């Protein structure tokens, strides 16, 4: 049996789905990523008063430009999560971790990031987490290496 034929005789092939791209940053995301290099997290306030992180250039409900920035976090609460047993090559950690939606202190909407809890038994909805900052910031989302449970 070859790599391209299964036991049933059906053809098969490996397929990796990726969307590699580069984009330019506007003033809103430039400010957000610059803040991360300084170990500071900012969101912005929508016209209805909600704070979203990462910030958006436009209000998701009204499409109006957003220009009021708000400091949030750095800690927050896990609102939901899933455990990754076998991380893939381009994921943020090379050991098992959780993807989690984290509502940072002062934010109304959660943001997605990795949580390094070490064991799925240590993860729970409602747990407090804090960022583990990258040792060498580069002006991207990976300046937050991951989140970790608060002591």
C-alpha atoms as a PDB file:
ATOM      1  CA  UNK A   1       0.000   0.000   0.000  1.00  0.00           C
ATOM      2  CA  UNK A   2       1.414   3.400  -0.942  1.00  0.00           C
ATOM      3  CA  UNK A   3       0.929   6.744   0.820  1.00  0.00           C
ATOM      4  CA  UNK A   4      -1.674   7.666  -1.770  1.00  0.00           C
ATOM      5  CA  UNK A   5      -3.901   4.563  -1.442  1.00  0.00           C
ATOM      6  CA  UNK A   6      -5.808   3.387   1.648  1.00  0.00           C
ATOM      7  CA  UNK A   7      -6.626  -0.227   2.523  1.00  0.00           C
ATOM      8  CA  UNK A   8     -10.000   0.170   0.818  1.00  0.00           C
ATOM      9  CA  UNK A   9      -8.292   1.271  -2.394  1.00  0.00           C
ATOM     10  CA  UNK A  10      -9.505   4.847  -2.105  1.00  0.00           C
ATOM     11  CA  UNK A  11      -7.020   7.525  -3.011  1.00  0.00           C
ATOM     12  CA  UNK A  12      -5.840   9.808  -0.217  1.00  0.00           C
ATOM     13  CA  UNK A  13      -3.407  12.671   0.090  1.00  0.00           C
ATOM     14  CA  UNK A  14      -2.056  14.834   2.882  1.00  0.00           C
ATOM     15  CA  UNK A  15      -3.551  18.294   2.865  1.00  0.00           C
ATOM     16  CA  UNK A  16      -2.445  21.259   4.958  1.00  0.00           C
ATOM     17  CA  UNK A  17      -4.753  24.244   5.000  1.00  0.00           C
ATOM     18  CA  UNK A  18      -2.989  27.541   5.727  1.00  0.00           C
ATOM     19  CA  UNK A  19      -3.658  31.181   5.072  1.00  0.00           C
ATOM     20  CA  UNK A  20      -0.220  32.806   5.186  1.00  0.00           C
ATOM     21  CA  UNK A  21      -0.452  36.511   4.576  1.00  0.00           C
ATOM     22  CA  UNK A  22       0.929  39.842   5.666  1.00  0.00           C
ATOM     23  CA  UNK A  23      -1.175  42.907   6.202  1.00  0.00           C
ATOM     24  CA  UNK A  24      -0.470  46.499   6.864  1.00  0.00           C
ATOM     25  CA  UNK A  25      -1.640  47.935  10.168  1.00  0.00           C
ATOM     26  CA  UNK A  26      -3.736  51.026  10.467  1.00  0.00           C
ATOM     27  CA  UNK A  27      -3.496  53.474  13.357  1.00  0.00           C
ATOM     28  CA  UNK A  28      -5.715  51.407  15.700  1.00  0.00           C
ATOM     29  CA  UNK A  29      -3.816  48.116  15.518  1.00  0.00           C
ATOM     30  CA  UNK A  30      -0.478  49.937  15.387  1.00  0.00           C
ATOM     31  CA  UNK A  31      -1.380  51.524  18.718  1.00  0.00           C
ATOM     32  CA  UNK A  32      -2.509  48.154  20.124  1.00  0.00           C
ATOM     33  CA  UNK A  33       0.692  46.336  19.120  1.00  0.00           C
ATOM     34  CA  UNK A  34       2.899  49.222  20.226  1.00  0.00           C
ATOM     35  CA  UNK A  35       1.196  48.978  23.619  1.00  0.00           C
ATOM     36  CA  UNK A  36       1.999  45.266  23.776  1.00  0.00           C
ATOM     37  CA  UNK A  37       5.710  46.038  23.284  1.00  0.00           C
ATOM     38  CA  UNK A  38       5.369  48.205  26.406  1.00  0.00           C
ATOM     39  CA  UNK A  39       3.467  45.454  28.281  1.00  0.00           C
ATOM     40  CA  UNK A  40       0.261  47.429  28.101  1.00  0.00           C
ATOM     41  CA  UNK A  41      -3.088  46.221  26.703  1.00  0.00           C
ATOM     42  CA  UNK A  42      -5.636  48.610  25.240  1.00  0.00           C
ATOM     43  CA  UNK A  43      -9.076  48.167  23.805  1.00  0.00           C
ATOM     44  CA  UNK A  44     -11.516  50.729  22.571  1.00  0.00           C
ATOM     45  CA  UNK A  45     -14.988  51.808  23.565  1.00  0.00           C
ATOM     46  CA  UNK A  46     -17.889  51.335  21.169  1.00  0.00           C
ATOM     47  CA  UNK A  47     -20.675  53.878  20.755  1.00  0.00           C
ATOM     48  CA  UNK A  48     -22.830  51.783  23.147  1.00  0.00           C
ATOM     49  CA  UNK A  49     -20.091  51.961  25.800  1.00  0.00           C
ATOM     50  CA  UNK A  50     -18.742  48.406  25.471  1.00  0.00           C
ATOM     51  CA  UNK A  51     -14.969  47.894  25.533  1.00  0.00           C
ATOM     52  CA  UNK A  52     -13.558  45.497  22.935  1.00  0.00           C
ATOM     53  CA  UNK A  53     -10.086  43.957  22.809  1.00  0.00           C
ATOM     54  CA  UNK A  54      -8.239  43.857  20.488  1.00  0.00           C
ATOM     55  CA  UNK A  55      -9.494  47.265  19.432  1.00  0.00           C
ATOM     56  CA  UNK A  56     -11.373  47.714  16.193  1.00  0.00           C
ATOM     57  CA  UNK A  57     -11.276  50.570  13.720  1.00  0.00           C
ATOM     58  CA  UNK A  58     -15.053  50.559  13.416  1.00  0.00           C
ATOM     59  CA  UNK A  59     -17.964  49.912  15.778  1.00  0.00           C
ATOM     60  CA  UNK A  60     -19.256  46.384  15.037  1.00  0.00           C
ATOM     61  CA  UNK A  61     -22.867  47.539  15.564  1.00  0.00           C
ATOM     62  CA  UNK A  62     -22.926  50.977  13.900  1.00  0.00           C
ATOM     63  CA  UNK A  63     -19.875  50.901  11.597  1.00  0.00           C
ATOM     64  CA  UNK A  64     -18.806  54.300  12.976  1.00  0.00           C
ATOM     65  CA  UNK A  65     -15.070  54.921  13.463  1.00  0.00           C
ATOM     66  CA  UNK A  66     -13.855  54.254  17.007  1.00  0.00           C
ATOM     67  CA  UNK A  67     -11.319  56.578  18.607  1.00  0.00           C
ATOM     68  CA  UNK A  68     -11.670  56.226  22.398  1.00  0.00           C
ATOM     69  CA  UNK A  69      -8.930  53.927  23.706  1.00  0.00           C
ATOM     70  CA  UNK A  70      -9.220  52.258  27.113  1.00  0.00           C
ATOM     71  CA  UNK A  71      -6.521  50.519  29.187  1.00  0.00           C
ATOM     72  CA  UNK A  72      -7.611  46.991  30.173  1.00  0.00           C
ATOM     73  CA  UNK A  73      -6.212  44.047  32.107  1.00  0.00           C
ATOM     74  CA  UNK A  74      -3.612  42.897  32.181  1.00  0.00           C
ATOM     75  CA  UNK A  75      -5.373  40.088  34.083  1.00  0.00           C
ATOM     76  CA  UNK A  76      -8.716  38.625  33.209  1.00  0.00           C
ATOM     77  CA  UNK A  77     -11.142  35.730  33.479  1.00  0.00           C
ATOM     78  CA  UNK A  78     -11.434  32.640  31.260  1.00  0.00           C
ATOM     79  CA  UNK A  79     -14.952  32.534  29.808  1.00  0.00           C
ATOM     80  CA  UNK A  80     -14.538  29.295  27.855  1.00  0.00           C
ATOM     81  CA  UNK A  81     -11.646  27.076  26.743  1.00  0.00           C
ATOM     82  CA  UNK A  82     -10.563  23.924  24.930  1.00  0.00           C
ATOM     83  CA  UNK A  83      -7.482  21.799  25.565  1.00  0.00           C
ATOM     84  CA  UNK A  84      -4.863  21.157  22.872  1.00  0.00           C
ATOM     85  CA  UNK A  85      -3.156  17.820  23.547  1.00  0.00           C
ATOM     86  CA  UNK A  86      -0.821  17.864  20.542  1.00  0.00           C
ATOM     87  CA  UNK A  87       0.176  21.407  19.561  1.00  0.00           C
ATOM     88  CA  UNK A  88       0.926  22.033  15.916  1.00  0.00           C
ATOM     89  CA  UNK A  89       4.155  23.581  14.683  1.00  0.00           C
ATOM     90  CA  UNK A  90       2.915  27.182  14.405  1.00  0.00           C
ATOM     91  CA  UNK A  91       0.919  27.268  17.625  1.00  0.00           C
ATOM     92  CA  UNK A  92       2.163  29.485  20.463  1.00  0.00           C
ATOM     93  CA  UNK A  93       3.352  26.692  22.792  1.00  0.00           C
ATOM     94  CA  UNK A  94       5.249  23.485  22.071  1.00  0.00           C
ATOM     95  CA  UNK A  95       3.492  21.568  24.884  1.00  0.00           C
ATOM     96  CA  UNK A  96      -0.177  20.928  25.695  1.00  0.00           C
ATOM     97  CA  UNK A  97      -2.110  24.133  26.434  1.00  0.00           C
ATOM     98  CA  UNK A  98      -5.600  25.619  26.276  1.00  0.00           C
ATOM     99  CA  UNK A  99      -7.066  28.007  23.770  1.00  0.00           C
ATOM    100  CA  UNK A 100      -9.292  30.292  25.806  1.00  0.00           C
ATOM    101  CA  UNK A 101     -11.543  33.277  25.476  1.00  0.00           C
ATOM    102  CA  UNK A 102     -10.317  35.697  28.136  1.00  0.00           C
ATOM    103  CA  UNK A 103     -12.331  38.706  29.255  1.00  0.00           C
ATOM    104  CA  UNK A 104      -9.664  41.117  30.428  1.00  0.00           C
ATOM    105  CA  UNK A 105     -10.409  43.346  33.417  1.00  0.00           C
ATOM    106  CA  UNK A 106     -12.245  46.401  32.089  1.00  0.00           C
ATOM    107  CA  UNK A 107     -13.289  44.737  28.815  1.00  0.00           C
ATOM    108  CA  UNK A 108     -16.766  43.597  27.836  1.00  0.00           C
ATOM    109  CA  UNK A 109     -15.787  41.196  25.072  1.00  0.00           C
ATOM    110  CA  UNK A 110     -13.269  38.368  25.459  1.00  0.00           C
ATOM    111  CA  UNK A 111     -10.158  37.903  23.350  1.00  0.00           C
ATOM    112  CA  UNK A 112      -8.707  34.588  22.189  1.00  0.00           C
ATOM    113  CA  UNK A 113      -5.280  33.543  23.435  1.00  0.00           C
ATOM    114  CA  UNK A 114      -3.320  30.561  24.747  1.00  0.00           C
ATOM    115  CA  UNK A 115      -3.261  29.606  28.437  1.00  0.00           C
ATOM    116  CA  UNK A 116      -0.309  27.614  29.783  1.00  0.00           C
ATOM    117  CA  UNK A 117      -1.916  25.747  32.687  1.00  0.00           C
ATOM    118  CA  UNK A 118       0.239  22.632  32.383  1.00  0.00           C
ATOM    119  CA  UNK A 119      -2.685  20.233  32.831  1.00  0.00           C
ATOM    120  CA  UNK A 120      -6.333  20.295  31.709  1.00  0.00           C
ATOM    121  CA  UNK A 121      -7.374  19.553  35.311  1.00  0.00           C
ATOM    122  CA  UNK A 122      -6.021  23.010  36.244  1.00  0.00           C
ATOM    123  CA  UNK A 123      -8.211  24.795  33.674  1.00  0.00           C
ATOM    124  CA  UNK A 124     -11.700  26.006  34.471  1.00  0.00           C
ATOM    125  CA  UNK A 125     -14.175  28.553  33.272  1.00  0.00           C
ATOM    126  CA  UNK A 126     -14.052  31.548  35.604  1.00  0.00           C
ATOM    127  CA  UNK A 127     -10.374  31.150  36.525  1.00  0.00           C
ATOM    128  CA  UNK A 128      -8.218  34.263  36.689  1.00  0.00           C
ATOM    129  CA  UNK A 129      -5.240  34.507  34.359  1.00  0.00           C
ATOM    130  CA  UNK A 130      -2.483  37.020  33.684  1.00  0.00           C
ATOM    131  CA  UNK A 131      -0.223  37.493  30.674  1.00  0.00           C
ATOM    132  CA  UNK A 132       3.241  36.004  30.429  1.00  0.00           C
ATOM    133  CA  UNK A 133       5.079  38.560  28.347  1.00  0.00           C
ATOM    134  CA  UNK A 134       7.603  37.642  25.665  1.00  0.00           C
ATOM    135  CA  UNK A 135      11.190  38.373  26.649  1.00  0.00           C
ATOM    136  CA  UNK A 136      11.828  40.203  23.372  1.00  0.00           C
ATOM    137  CA  UNK A 137       8.761  42.107  22.144  1.00  0.00           C
ATOM    138  CA  UNK A 138       8.351  42.442  18.385  1.00  0.00           C
ATOM    139  CA  UNK A 139       5.156  44.468  18.079  1.00  0.00           C
ATOM    140  CA  UNK A 140       2.710  41.604  17.523  1.00  0.00           C
ATOM    141  CA  UNK A 141       0.197  39.479  19.383  1.00  0.00           C
ATOM    142  CA  UNK A 142       3.024  37.102  20.367  1.00  0.00           C
ATOM    143  CA  UNK A 143       4.351  39.828  22.670  1.00  0.00           C
ATOM    144  CA  UNK A 144       1.900  38.121  25.010  1.00  0.00           C
ATOM    145  CA  UNK A 145       3.620  34.722  24.965  1.00  0.00           C
ATOM    146  CA  UNK A 146       0.546  33.230  26.628  1.00  0.00           C
ATOM    147  CA  UNK A 147      -1.613  33.653  29.689  1.00  0.00           C
ATOM    148  CA  UNK A 148      -1.077  31.675  32.879  1.00  0.00           C
ATOM    149  CA  UNK A 149      -3.210  31.051  35.961  1.00  0.00           C
ATOM    150  CA  UNK A 150      -2.860  33.729  38.658  1.00  0.00           C
ATOM    151  CA  UNK A 151      -1.194  32.463  41.824  1.00  0.00           C
END
